[in-house]
Structures are given as structure tokens and as C-alpha cells.
């Protein structure tokens, strides 16, 4: 149904800080559906009131996610799974990607356009975006407003790799109080719309996955300056060098010199000594 919500849904939305008119704007309906049950063992299904999130592609209904008020959910069987609210990306130069539909509703309520959600949270397969890359996302700025728990951060990195061709930013959800928050709706419930906007407007540039900056290394650099190279093994029989040089796994060592001065012979000798004395392997 797409009419006025029953009292239990209104109570749920009020608790989550979401206005009914925002849900109506997004075309969210409601339904009563059975969940659970096992006919073979005589266990009856339980009927639950659900929000019904409609997945539209160019206005055409492709799927519905039914989410009960105690967080059970299911999709229509045999239907295409696409990003939620994908039509909103067409006319927006900045796209806000959330991890769930309630977070998408939160951002819409806070005045943001171009809000799209992953279809199935951290379990979303990124190929659901494939058909929309050129038409909906090419050349656009993406602000990822997903969860900031461990699984959410892992998903953020996956999404960032997928949209590597876009300017990609991410939101850190924080509350000024002691409230623990991990997503947009948590912040809305804890401190209201202005707190959500503060977090979104402070979105950070997503670093290239796997790239380290000097800031990442400052602690180890300060330790090196203060205390020198750690006392990792040396070699006992490297004449003239034993007192000067030590070795640490993962550290780059450069052997340089003009041609014909024995660099390769020295390196072979050094590797052999480390293999014999320290049992280190080399290729």
C-alpha cells in the first residue's frame, strides 16, 4: 500500500527520526507479510508489518524490499536487484551513496539530492551498478555515506575501488555527545538534522587504496630518529661491515656503485651469509 501509514509504522518512523512525508516522497509503501515458519515441522509463519521500499529504474518497478519493524527483510523472488533510488543519480552532479534505505531517507530529509543506496547493505554485489556506470555516474563526484563499523569500512574500500574513476569522498559519522553512532540515521536520532549535515559537509577525500602517506609513517620515523635502526640480525663474517650494518625484513636496502666494482658479487655473498647464519630465504 502507498497510503497513510498505520500506527505501528508511524511509531517506528518517529523513533528513527524520519518524517512520513519523506518516505512518501521516496514512494515507500507498507505491507503485512509472513516471515519464518516451517510447514514440515508444524511451525507457523509470523505475520509482520513491513516497510516496502520500491526499486525503480526510469520509473519502472524492478523489485521491492520488505523490511519488518524488527529488521527482518526480504526481496521479491525472481526480480532484478538494482541500486535503490537509482533514478535520483541521473540529474545530480554529486551522488550520495548510502549502505541502506533508512540512511538514504535520512539524507533526503536533510535536503540532499542524488541519494542512492546499495541494494543489500554490505552484501551488495557491485555488479548491480555495472549498467549505470556510464549513464548515471560517469564524471560525477561520489560521497560515500555508508556505515563506519568494521564491515562498513571494508565495504567503503570495495566501493571506492569500484568507482576508482570518480572523485570519491567518504563521510565519518560522529556525534558531539557520547552517543555511539555508525550511520546517518544514528546521527539523526542522536542529534538531529544539523549534525547529519555537519558530518556530510566534512566529507574527506578517499585515499588511494594501498597508498601510504608520510603521516602513516610518522610514528615509526620518530622512533627511528630517536633510537636508530632496531637491533635486527647482522652477519658475523662480513669483513669490514659487521659493526656497521644490520638487516630488517621489509626494509629496502640499495647497493650502488659504478660498473665493474663487484656489486653483484657483494650482494651474492651477503645473501648467502644471511641464509647460512640467520636461516633467511632469498630469491
C-alpha atoms as a PDB file:
ATOM      1  CA  UNK A   1       0.000   0.000   0.000  1.00  0.00           C
ATOM      2  CA  UNK A   2       1.110   3.589  -0.645  1.00  0.00           C
ATOM      3  CA  UNK A   3      -1.420   5.402   1.528  1.00  0.00           C
ATOM      4  CA  UNK A   4      -1.162   6.716   5.074  1.00  0.00           C
ATOM      5  CA  UNK A   5       0.949   4.550   7.340  1.00  0.00           C
ATOM      6  CA  UNK A   6      -0.609   2.560  10.193  1.00  0.00           C
ATOM      7  CA  UNK A   7       0.222   3.492  13.790  1.00  0.00           C
ATOM      8  CA  UNK A   8       2.977   0.899  14.276  1.00  0.00           C
ATOM      9  CA  UNK A   9       4.890   2.191  11.242  1.00  0.00           C
ATOM     10  CA  UNK A  10       4.374   5.797  12.342  1.00  0.00           C
ATOM     11  CA  UNK A  11       5.790   4.893  15.742  1.00  0.00           C
ATOM     12  CA  UNK A  12       8.794   3.242  14.105  1.00  0.00           C
ATOM     13  CA  UNK A  13       9.475   6.237  11.851  1.00  0.00           C
ATOM     14  CA  UNK A  14       9.119   8.645  14.770  1.00  0.00           C
ATOM     15  CA  UNK A  15      11.648   6.626  16.757  1.00  0.00           C
ATOM     16  CA  UNK A  16      14.064   6.736  13.813  1.00  0.00           C
ATOM     17  CA  UNK A  17      13.534  10.478  13.327  1.00  0.00           C
ATOM     18  CA  UNK A  18      12.193  10.068   9.771  1.00  0.00           C
ATOM     19  CA  UNK A  19       9.186  12.110   8.641  1.00  0.00           C
ATOM     20  CA  UNK A  20       6.325  10.328   6.899  1.00  0.00           C
ATOM     21  CA  UNK A  21       6.317  12.866   4.047  1.00  0.00           C
ATOM     22  CA  UNK A  22       9.934  11.954   3.228  1.00  0.00           C
ATOM     23  CA  UNK A  23       9.023   8.272   2.980  1.00  0.00           C
ATOM     24  CA  UNK A  24       6.056   9.169   0.783  1.00  0.00           C
ATOM     25  CA  UNK A  25       8.361  11.273  -1.417  1.00  0.00           C
ATOM     26  CA  UNK A  26      10.546   8.179  -1.889  1.00  0.00           C
ATOM     27  CA  UNK A  27       7.474   6.088  -2.709  1.00  0.00           C
ATOM     28  CA  UNK A  28       7.867   3.816   0.317  1.00  0.00           C
ATOM     29  CA  UNK A  29       4.747   1.757   0.999  1.00  0.00           C
ATOM     30  CA  UNK A  30       3.866  -0.851   3.593  1.00  0.00           C
ATOM     31  CA  UNK A  31       2.590  -4.401   3.717  1.00  0.00           C
ATOM     32  CA  UNK A  32       1.829  -7.263   6.086  1.00  0.00           C
ATOM     33  CA  UNK A  33       3.781 -10.409   5.186  1.00  0.00           C
ATOM     34  CA  UNK A  34       4.547 -13.785   6.781  1.00  0.00           C
ATOM     35  CA  UNK A  35       8.099 -14.439   7.947  1.00  0.00           C
ATOM     36  CA  UNK A  36       9.693 -17.649   9.133  1.00  0.00           C
ATOM     37  CA  UNK A  37       7.723 -20.798   9.671  1.00  0.00           C
ATOM     38  CA  UNK A  38       8.431 -24.382   8.737  1.00  0.00           C
ATOM     39  CA  UNK A  39       5.487 -26.329   7.350  1.00  0.00           C
ATOM     40  CA  UNK A  40       7.376 -29.637   7.575  1.00  0.00           C
ATOM     41  CA  UNK A  41       7.820 -29.218  11.317  1.00  0.00           C
ATOM     42  CA  UNK A  42       4.468 -27.620  12.005  1.00  0.00           C
ATOM     43  CA  UNK A  43       5.903 -24.164  12.771  1.00  0.00           C
ATOM     44  CA  UNK A  44       3.582 -21.387  11.643  1.00  0.00           C
ATOM     45  CA  UNK A  45       4.890 -18.238   9.977  1.00  0.00           C
ATOM     46  CA  UNK A  46       4.568 -14.939  11.816  1.00  0.00           C
ATOM     47  CA  UNK A  47       2.835 -12.044  10.085  1.00  0.00           C
ATOM     48  CA  UNK A  48       4.776  -8.809  10.374  1.00  0.00           C
ATOM     49  CA  UNK A  49       4.178  -5.214   9.349  1.00  0.00           C
ATOM     50  CA  UNK A  50       6.808  -4.122   6.836  1.00  0.00           C
ATOM     51  CA  UNK A  51       8.013  -1.032   5.071  1.00  0.00           C
ATOM     52  CA  UNK A  52       8.049  -1.656   1.319  1.00  0.00           C
ATOM     53  CA  UNK A  53      10.958   0.003  -0.487  1.00  0.00           C
ATOM     54  CA  UNK A  54      10.307   0.097  -4.227  1.00  0.00           C
ATOM     55  CA  UNK A  55      13.275  -0.212  -6.602  1.00  0.00           C
ATOM     56  CA  UNK A  56      12.587   1.807  -9.753  1.00  0.00           C
ATOM     57  CA  UNK A  57      14.635   2.095 -12.935  1.00  0.00           C
ATOM     58  CA  UNK A  58      13.492   5.013 -15.078  1.00  0.00           C
ATOM     59  CA  UNK A  59      10.185   4.843 -13.259  1.00  0.00           C
ATOM     60  CA  UNK A  60       9.690   1.126 -13.900  1.00  0.00           C
ATOM     61  CA  UNK A  61       9.272  -1.084 -10.829  1.00  0.00           C
ATOM     62  CA  UNK A  62      12.029  -3.732 -10.749  1.00  0.00           C
ATOM     63  CA  UNK A  63      11.877  -5.069  -7.193  1.00  0.00           C
ATOM     64  CA  UNK A  64      10.612  -4.430  -3.664  1.00  0.00           C
ATOM     65  CA  UNK A  65      12.426  -4.895  -0.392  1.00  0.00           C
ATOM     66  CA  UNK A  66      10.131  -5.606   2.544  1.00  0.00           C
ATOM     67  CA  UNK A  67      11.677  -4.646   5.871  1.00  0.00           C
ATOM     68  CA  UNK A  68       9.861  -5.554   9.065  1.00  0.00           C
ATOM     69  CA  UNK A  69       9.977  -3.252  12.070  1.00  0.00           C
ATOM     70  CA  UNK A  70      12.251  -5.738  13.861  1.00  0.00           C
ATOM     71  CA  UNK A  71      14.685  -5.803  10.905  1.00  0.00           C
ATOM     72  CA  UNK A  72      13.680  -8.969   9.081  1.00  0.00           C
ATOM     73  CA  UNK A  73      13.705  -8.332   5.360  1.00  0.00           C
ATOM     74  CA  UNK A  74      13.225  -9.989   2.023  1.00  0.00           C
ATOM     75  CA  UNK A  75      13.023  -9.120  -1.672  1.00  0.00           C
ATOM     76  CA  UNK A  76      10.531 -10.204  -4.278  1.00  0.00           C
ATOM     77  CA  UNK A  77      11.707 -13.537  -5.635  1.00  0.00           C
ATOM     78  CA  UNK A  78      12.969 -13.769  -9.197  1.00  0.00           C
ATOM     79  CA  UNK A  79      13.248  -9.988  -9.659  1.00  0.00           C
ATOM     80  CA  UNK A  80      16.187  -7.874 -10.771  1.00  0.00           C
ATOM     81  CA  UNK A  81      18.277  -6.334  -7.986  1.00  0.00           C
ATOM     82  CA  UNK A  82      19.384  -2.757  -8.712  1.00  0.00           C
ATOM     83  CA  UNK A  83      20.663   0.163  -6.605  1.00  0.00           C
ATOM     84  CA  UNK A  84      17.903   1.779  -4.574  1.00  0.00           C
ATOM     85  CA  UNK A  85      16.659   5.191  -5.797  1.00  0.00           C
ATOM     86  CA  UNK A  86      18.958   4.976  -8.815  1.00  0.00           C
ATOM     87  CA  UNK A  87      16.827   7.429 -10.823  1.00  0.00           C
ATOM     88  CA  UNK A  88      17.957  10.196  -8.437  1.00  0.00           C
ATOM     89  CA  UNK A  89      21.500   9.897  -9.830  1.00  0.00           C
ATOM     90  CA  UNK A  90      20.551  10.923 -13.365  1.00  0.00           C
ATOM     91  CA  UNK A  91      20.259  14.678 -12.824  1.00  0.00           C
ATOM     92  CA  UNK A  92      22.762  15.068  -9.967  1.00  0.00           C
ATOM     93  CA  UNK A  93      26.403  16.078 -10.315  1.00  0.00           C
ATOM     94  CA  UNK A  94      27.106  14.842  -6.782  1.00  0.00           C
ATOM     95  CA  UNK A  95      25.859  11.415  -5.761  1.00  0.00           C
ATOM     96  CA  UNK A  96      25.485  10.369  -2.135  1.00  0.00           C
ATOM     97  CA  UNK A  97      25.810   6.616  -1.679  1.00  0.00           C
ATOM     98  CA  UNK A  98      24.433   5.037   1.484  1.00  0.00           C
ATOM     99  CA  UNK A  99      24.542   1.491   2.814  1.00  0.00           C
ATOM    100  CA  UNK A 100      20.813   1.242   3.494  1.00  0.00           C
ATOM    101  CA  UNK A 101      17.439   2.714   2.681  1.00  0.00           C
ATOM    102  CA  UNK A 102      16.800   4.356   6.061  1.00  0.00           C
ATOM    103  CA  UNK A 103      20.111   6.201   5.716  1.00  0.00           C
ATOM    104  CA  UNK A 104      19.064   7.263   2.215  1.00  0.00           C
ATOM    105  CA  UNK A 105      15.806   8.625   3.637  1.00  0.00           C
ATOM    106  CA  UNK A 106      17.811  10.455   6.304  1.00  0.00           C
ATOM    107  CA  UNK A 107      19.918  12.279   3.704  1.00  0.00           C
ATOM    108  CA  UNK A 108      16.863  13.143   1.604  1.00  0.00           C
ATOM    109  CA  UNK A 109      15.209  14.570   4.720  1.00  0.00           C
ATOM    110  CA  UNK A 110      18.324  16.675   5.324  1.00  0.00           C
ATOM    111  CA  UNK A 111      17.957  18.247   1.890  1.00  0.00           C
ATOM    112  CA  UNK A 112      20.365  16.229  -0.244  1.00  0.00           C
ATOM    113  CA  UNK A 113      19.501  15.216  -3.794  1.00  0.00           C
ATOM    114  CA  UNK A 114      21.138  12.429  -5.776  1.00  0.00           C
ATOM    115  CA  UNK A 115      20.882   9.955  -2.891  1.00  0.00           C
ATOM    116  CA  UNK A 116      21.316   6.304  -3.906  1.00  0.00           C
ATOM    117  CA  UNK A 117      21.639   3.249  -1.670  1.00  0.00           C
ATOM    118  CA  UNK A 118      23.364  -0.073  -2.021  1.00  0.00           C
ATOM    119  CA  UNK A 119      20.625  -2.613  -2.561  1.00  0.00           C
ATOM    120  CA  UNK A 120      21.613  -5.079   0.140  1.00  0.00           C
ATOM    121  CA  UNK A 121      23.978  -3.365   2.580  1.00  0.00           C
ATOM    122  CA  UNK A 122      27.476  -4.815   2.867  1.00  0.00           C
ATOM    123  CA  UNK A 123      26.241  -7.889   0.992  1.00  0.00           C
ATOM    124  CA  UNK A 124      25.619  -5.856  -2.166  1.00  0.00           C
ATOM    125  CA  UNK A 125      27.399  -7.146  -5.255  1.00  0.00           C
ATOM    126  CA  UNK A 126      28.954  -4.189  -7.074  1.00  0.00           C
ATOM    127  CA  UNK A 127      27.974  -5.567 -10.472  1.00  0.00           C
ATOM    128  CA  UNK A 128      24.465  -4.266  -9.743  1.00  0.00           C
ATOM    129  CA  UNK A 129      25.951  -0.860 -10.677  1.00  0.00           C
ATOM    130  CA  UNK A 130      27.518  -2.015 -13.962  1.00  0.00           C
ATOM    131  CA  UNK A 131      24.683  -0.957 -16.290  1.00  0.00           C
ATOM    132  CA  UNK A 132      24.573   2.525 -14.714  1.00  0.00           C
ATOM    133  CA  UNK A 133      28.284   3.433 -14.703  1.00  0.00           C
ATOM    134  CA  UNK A 134      28.254   5.401 -17.943  1.00  0.00           C
ATOM    135  CA  UNK A 135      24.743   6.821 -17.820  1.00  0.00           C
ATOM    136  CA  UNK A 136      24.441   7.718 -14.124  1.00  0.00           C
ATOM    137  CA  UNK A 137      27.936   8.004 -12.605  1.00  0.00           C
ATOM    138  CA  UNK A 138      30.477   8.998 -15.251  1.00  0.00           C
ATOM    139  CA  UNK A 139      32.394  12.157 -14.314  1.00  0.00           C
ATOM    140  CA  UNK A 140      30.414  12.723 -11.115  1.00  0.00           C
ATOM    141  CA  UNK A 141      31.548  13.306  -7.557  1.00  0.00           C
ATOM    142  CA  UNK A 142      30.622  10.488  -5.193  1.00  0.00           C
ATOM    143  CA  UNK A 143      30.266  10.965  -1.446  1.00  0.00           C
ATOM    144  CA  UNK A 144      30.070   7.610   0.279  1.00  0.00           C
ATOM    145  CA  UNK A 145      27.884   7.845   3.370  1.00  0.00           C
ATOM    146  CA  UNK A 146      27.984   4.219   4.477  1.00  0.00           C
ATOM    147  CA  UNK A 147      28.392   2.751   7.939  1.00  0.00           C
ATOM    148  CA  UNK A 148      31.593   3.303   9.897  1.00  0.00           C
ATOM    149  CA  UNK A 149      31.718  -0.025  11.708  1.00  0.00           C
ATOM    150  CA  UNK A 150      34.294  -2.638  10.697  1.00  0.00           C
ATOM    151  CA  UNK A 151      32.205  -4.246   7.956  1.00  0.00           C
ATOM    152  CA  UNK A 152      31.104  -0.819   6.711  1.00  0.00           C
ATOM    153  CA  UNK A 153      34.674   0.421   6.337  1.00  0.00           C
ATOM    154  CA  UNK A 154      35.590  -2.744   4.440  1.00  0.00           C
ATOM    155  CA  UNK A 155      32.639  -2.140   2.112  1.00  0.00           C
ATOM    156  CA  UNK A 156      33.663   1.515   1.688  1.00  0.00           C
ATOM    157  CA  UNK A 157      37.045   0.373   0.369  1.00  0.00           C
ATOM    158  CA  UNK A 158      35.380  -2.054  -2.052  1.00  0.00           C
ATOM    159  CA  UNK A 159      33.038   0.664  -3.332  1.00  0.00           C
ATOM    160  CA  UNK A 160      35.952   3.099  -3.698  1.00  0.00           C
ATOM    161  CA  UNK A 161      37.860   0.587  -5.819  1.00  0.00           C
ATOM    162  CA  UNK A 162      34.791   0.071  -7.996  1.00  0.00           C
ATOM    163  CA  UNK A 163      34.369   3.829  -8.556  1.00  0.00           C
ATOM    164  CA  UNK A 164      38.108   4.453  -8.980  1.00  0.00           C
ATOM    165  CA  UNK A 165      37.413   6.690 -11.991  1.00  0.00           C
ATOM    166  CA  UNK A 166      35.331   9.139  -9.933  1.00  0.00           C
ATOM    167  CA  UNK A 167      36.227  11.815  -7.407  1.00  0.00           C
ATOM    168  CA  UNK A 168      35.426   9.812  -4.289  1.00  0.00           C
ATOM    169  CA  UNK A 169      34.817  11.145  -0.777  1.00  0.00           C
ATOM    170  CA  UNK A 170      33.608   9.469   2.392  1.00  0.00           C
ATOM    171  CA  UNK A 171      31.712  10.580   5.496  1.00  0.00           C
ATOM    172  CA  UNK A 172      32.800   9.879   9.053  1.00  0.00           C
ATOM    173  CA  UNK A 173      29.768   9.737  11.315  1.00  0.00           C
ATOM    174  CA  UNK A 174      30.423  11.447  14.625  1.00  0.00           C
ATOM    175  CA  UNK A 175      28.240  12.862  17.379  1.00  0.00           C
ATOM    176  CA  UNK A 176      29.392  15.701  19.608  1.00  0.00           C
ATOM    177  CA  UNK A 177      27.882  13.876  22.586  1.00  0.00           C
ATOM    178  CA  UNK A 178      28.996  10.491  23.896  1.00  0.00           C
ATOM    179  CA  UNK A 179      26.442   8.717  21.703  1.00  0.00           C
ATOM    180  CA  UNK A 180      27.809   5.807  19.692  1.00  0.00           C
ATOM    181  CA  UNK A 181      26.908   6.311  16.035  1.00  0.00           C
ATOM    182  CA  UNK A 182      27.801   4.375  12.908  1.00  0.00           C
ATOM    183  CA  UNK A 183      25.488   5.726  10.215  1.00  0.00           C
ATOM    184  CA  UNK A 184      23.406   8.686   9.110  1.00  0.00           C
ATOM    185  CA  UNK A 185      20.236   7.579  10.886  1.00  0.00           C
ATOM    186  CA  UNK A 186      22.142   7.035  14.156  1.00  0.00           C
ATOM    187  CA  UNK A 187      23.348  10.644  13.989  1.00  0.00           C
ATOM    188  CA  UNK A 188      19.845  11.874  13.154  1.00  0.00           C
ATOM    189  CA  UNK A 189      18.390  10.073  16.171  1.00  0.00           C
ATOM    190  CA  UNK A 190      21.189  11.249  18.450  1.00  0.00           C
ATOM    191  CA  UNK A 191      21.482  14.924  17.475  1.00  0.00           C
ATOM    192  CA  UNK A 192      19.169  15.848  14.604  1.00  0.00           C
ATOM    193  CA  UNK A 193      19.469  17.025  11.029  1.00  0.00           C
ATOM    194  CA  UNK A 194      22.142  19.682  11.587  1.00  0.00           C
ATOM    195  CA  UNK A 195      24.504  17.054  12.974  1.00  0.00           C
ATOM    196  CA  UNK A 196      23.944  14.902   9.883  1.00  0.00           C
ATOM    197  CA  UNK A 197      24.689  17.882   7.621  1.00  0.00           C
ATOM    198  CA  UNK A 198      27.828  18.704   9.614  1.00  0.00           C
ATOM    199  CA  UNK A 199      29.178  15.212   9.022  1.00  0.00           C
ATOM    200  CA  UNK A 200      28.275  15.173   5.315  1.00  0.00           C
ATOM    201  CA  UNK A 201      29.750  18.614   4.650  1.00  0.00           C
ATOM    202  CA  UNK A 202      33.008  17.454   6.294  1.00  0.00           C
ATOM    203  CA  UNK A 203      33.414  14.512   3.900  1.00  0.00           C
ATOM    204  CA  UNK A 204      37.047  13.536   3.300  1.00  0.00           C
ATOM    205  CA  UNK A 205      38.846  12.621   0.102  1.00  0.00           C
ATOM    206  CA  UNK A 206      39.207   8.861  -0.109  1.00  0.00           C
ATOM    207  CA  UNK A 207      42.905   7.945  -0.253  1.00  0.00           C
ATOM    208  CA  UNK A 208      44.034   5.545  -2.944  1.00  0.00           C
ATOM    209  CA  UNK A 209      43.617   2.052  -1.523  1.00  0.00           C
ATOM    210  CA  UNK A 210      47.027   0.681  -0.515  1.00  0.00           C
ATOM    211  CA  UNK A 211      48.819   4.037  -0.769  1.00  0.00           C
ATOM    212  CA  UNK A 212      50.767   5.123   2.321  1.00  0.00           C
ATOM    213  CA  UNK A 213      51.493   8.761   3.123  1.00  0.00           C
ATOM    214  CA  UNK A 214      54.158  10.287   5.340  1.00  0.00           C
ATOM    215  CA  UNK A 215      51.519  10.760   8.037  1.00  0.00           C
ATOM    216  CA  UNK A 216      51.054   6.991   8.166  1.00  0.00           C
ATOM    217  CA  UNK A 217      54.781   6.530   8.819  1.00  0.00           C
ATOM    218  CA  UNK A 218      55.489   9.364  11.263  1.00  0.00           C
ATOM    219  CA  UNK A 219      55.362   7.229  14.409  1.00  0.00           C
ATOM    220  CA  UNK A 220      57.876   4.700  13.094  1.00  0.00           C
ATOM    221  CA  UNK A 221      60.002   7.528  11.654  1.00  0.00           C
ATOM    222  CA  UNK A 222      60.150   9.307  15.026  1.00  0.00           C
ATOM    223  CA  UNK A 223      61.158   6.006  16.639  1.00  0.00           C
ATOM    224  CA  UNK A 224      63.922   5.574  14.065  1.00  0.00           C
ATOM    225  CA  UNK A 225      65.246   9.106  14.657  1.00  0.00           C
ATOM    226  CA  UNK A 226      65.178   8.673  18.428  1.00  0.00           C
ATOM    227  CA  UNK A 227      66.557   5.141  18.754  1.00  0.00           C
ATOM    228  CA  UNK A 228      68.123   4.173  15.439  1.00  0.00           C
ATOM    229  CA  UNK A 229      67.562   1.003  13.467  1.00  0.00           C
ATOM    230  CA  UNK A 230      66.213  -1.810  15.670  1.00  0.00           C
ATOM    231  CA  UNK A 231      68.658  -4.481  16.707  1.00  0.00           C
ATOM    232  CA  UNK A 232      67.792  -6.910  13.986  1.00  0.00           C
ATOM    233  CA  UNK A 233      70.349  -9.521  12.975  1.00  0.00           C
ATOM    234  CA  UNK A 234      73.595  -8.640  11.326  1.00  0.00           C
ATOM    235  CA  UNK A 235      76.092 -11.014   9.768  1.00  0.00           C
ATOM    236  CA  UNK A 236      79.071 -12.229  11.710  1.00  0.00           C
ATOM    237  CA  UNK A 237      81.636 -12.680   8.954  1.00  0.00           C
ATOM    238  CA  UNK A 238      81.160  -9.714   6.615  1.00  0.00           C
ATOM    239  CA  UNK A 239      84.651  -8.302   6.957  1.00  0.00           C
ATOM    240  CA  UNK A 240      84.774  -4.562   7.458  1.00  0.00           C
ATOM    241  CA  UNK A 241      80.949  -4.237   7.637  1.00  0.00           C
ATOM    242  CA  UNK A 242      79.826  -6.380  10.572  1.00  0.00           C
ATOM    243  CA  UNK A 243      79.875  -3.465  13.042  1.00  0.00           C
ATOM    244  CA  UNK A 244      78.164  -1.078  10.605  1.00  0.00           C
ATOM    245  CA  UNK A 245      75.160  -2.830   9.113  1.00  0.00           C
ATOM    246  CA  UNK A 246      72.058  -4.689  10.260  1.00  0.00           C
ATOM    247  CA  UNK A 247      69.062  -6.068   8.416  1.00  0.00           C
ATOM    248  CA  UNK A 248      65.304  -5.823   8.940  1.00  0.00           C
ATOM    249  CA  UNK A 249      62.604  -7.676   7.000  1.00  0.00           C
ATOM    250  CA  UNK A 250      60.582  -5.284   4.852  1.00  0.00           C
ATOM    251  CA  UNK A 251      63.247  -2.567   4.707  1.00  0.00           C
ATOM    252  CA  UNK A 252      64.697  -1.575   1.326  1.00  0.00           C
ATOM    253  CA  UNK A 253      68.477  -1.744   1.014  1.00  0.00           C
ATOM    254  CA  UNK A 254      70.182  -0.262  -2.034  1.00  0.00           C
ATOM    255  CA  UNK A 255      73.648  -1.396  -3.106  1.00  0.00           C
ATOM    256  CA  UNK A 256      75.121   1.134  -5.503  1.00  0.00           C
ATOM    257  CA  UNK A 257      78.402   1.678  -7.276  1.00  0.00           C
ATOM    258  CA  UNK A 258      79.953   2.227 -10.701  1.00  0.00           C
ATOM    259  CA  UNK A 259      80.050  -0.722 -13.126  1.00  0.00           C
ATOM    260  CA  UNK A 260      82.605  -3.438 -12.502  1.00  0.00           C
ATOM    261  CA  UNK A 261      83.167  -2.753  -8.804  1.00  0.00           C
ATOM    262  CA  UNK A 262      81.654  -6.027  -7.555  1.00  0.00           C
ATOM    263  CA  UNK A 263      78.120  -5.076  -6.546  1.00  0.00           C
ATOM    264  CA  UNK A 264      76.634  -8.388  -7.640  1.00  0.00           C
ATOM    265  CA  UNK A 265      79.397 -10.441  -6.032  1.00  0.00           C
ATOM    266  CA  UNK A 266      78.991  -8.479  -2.790  1.00  0.00           C
ATOM    267  CA  UNK A 267      75.187  -8.941  -2.858  1.00  0.00           C
ATOM    268  CA  UNK A 268      75.514 -12.694  -3.529  1.00  0.00           C
ATOM    269  CA  UNK A 269      77.949 -13.027  -0.636  1.00  0.00           C
ATOM    270  CA  UNK A 270      75.692 -11.022   1.657  1.00  0.00           C
ATOM    271  CA  UNK A 271      72.582 -13.057   0.789  1.00  0.00           C
ATOM    272  CA  UNK A 272      74.455 -16.314   1.307  1.00  0.00           C
ATOM    273  CA  UNK A 273      75.658 -15.215   4.752  1.00  0.00           C
ATOM    274  CA  UNK A 274      72.120 -14.238   5.806  1.00  0.00           C
ATOM    275  CA  UNK A 275      70.863 -17.611   4.567  1.00  0.00           C
ATOM    276  CA  UNK A 276      73.543 -19.558   6.462  1.00  0.00           C
ATOM    277  CA  UNK A 277      73.725 -17.506   9.665  1.00  0.00           C
ATOM    278  CA  UNK A 278      70.100 -16.311  10.059  1.00  0.00           C
ATOM    279  CA  UNK A 279      68.260 -19.010   8.064  1.00  0.00           C
ATOM    280  CA  UNK A 280      66.673 -16.291   5.899  1.00  0.00           C
ATOM    281  CA  UNK A 281      65.408 -17.237   2.464  1.00  0.00           C
ATOM    282  CA  UNK A 282      66.190 -15.297  -0.704  1.00  0.00           C
ATOM    283  CA  UNK A 283      65.214 -15.332  -4.340  1.00  0.00           C
END
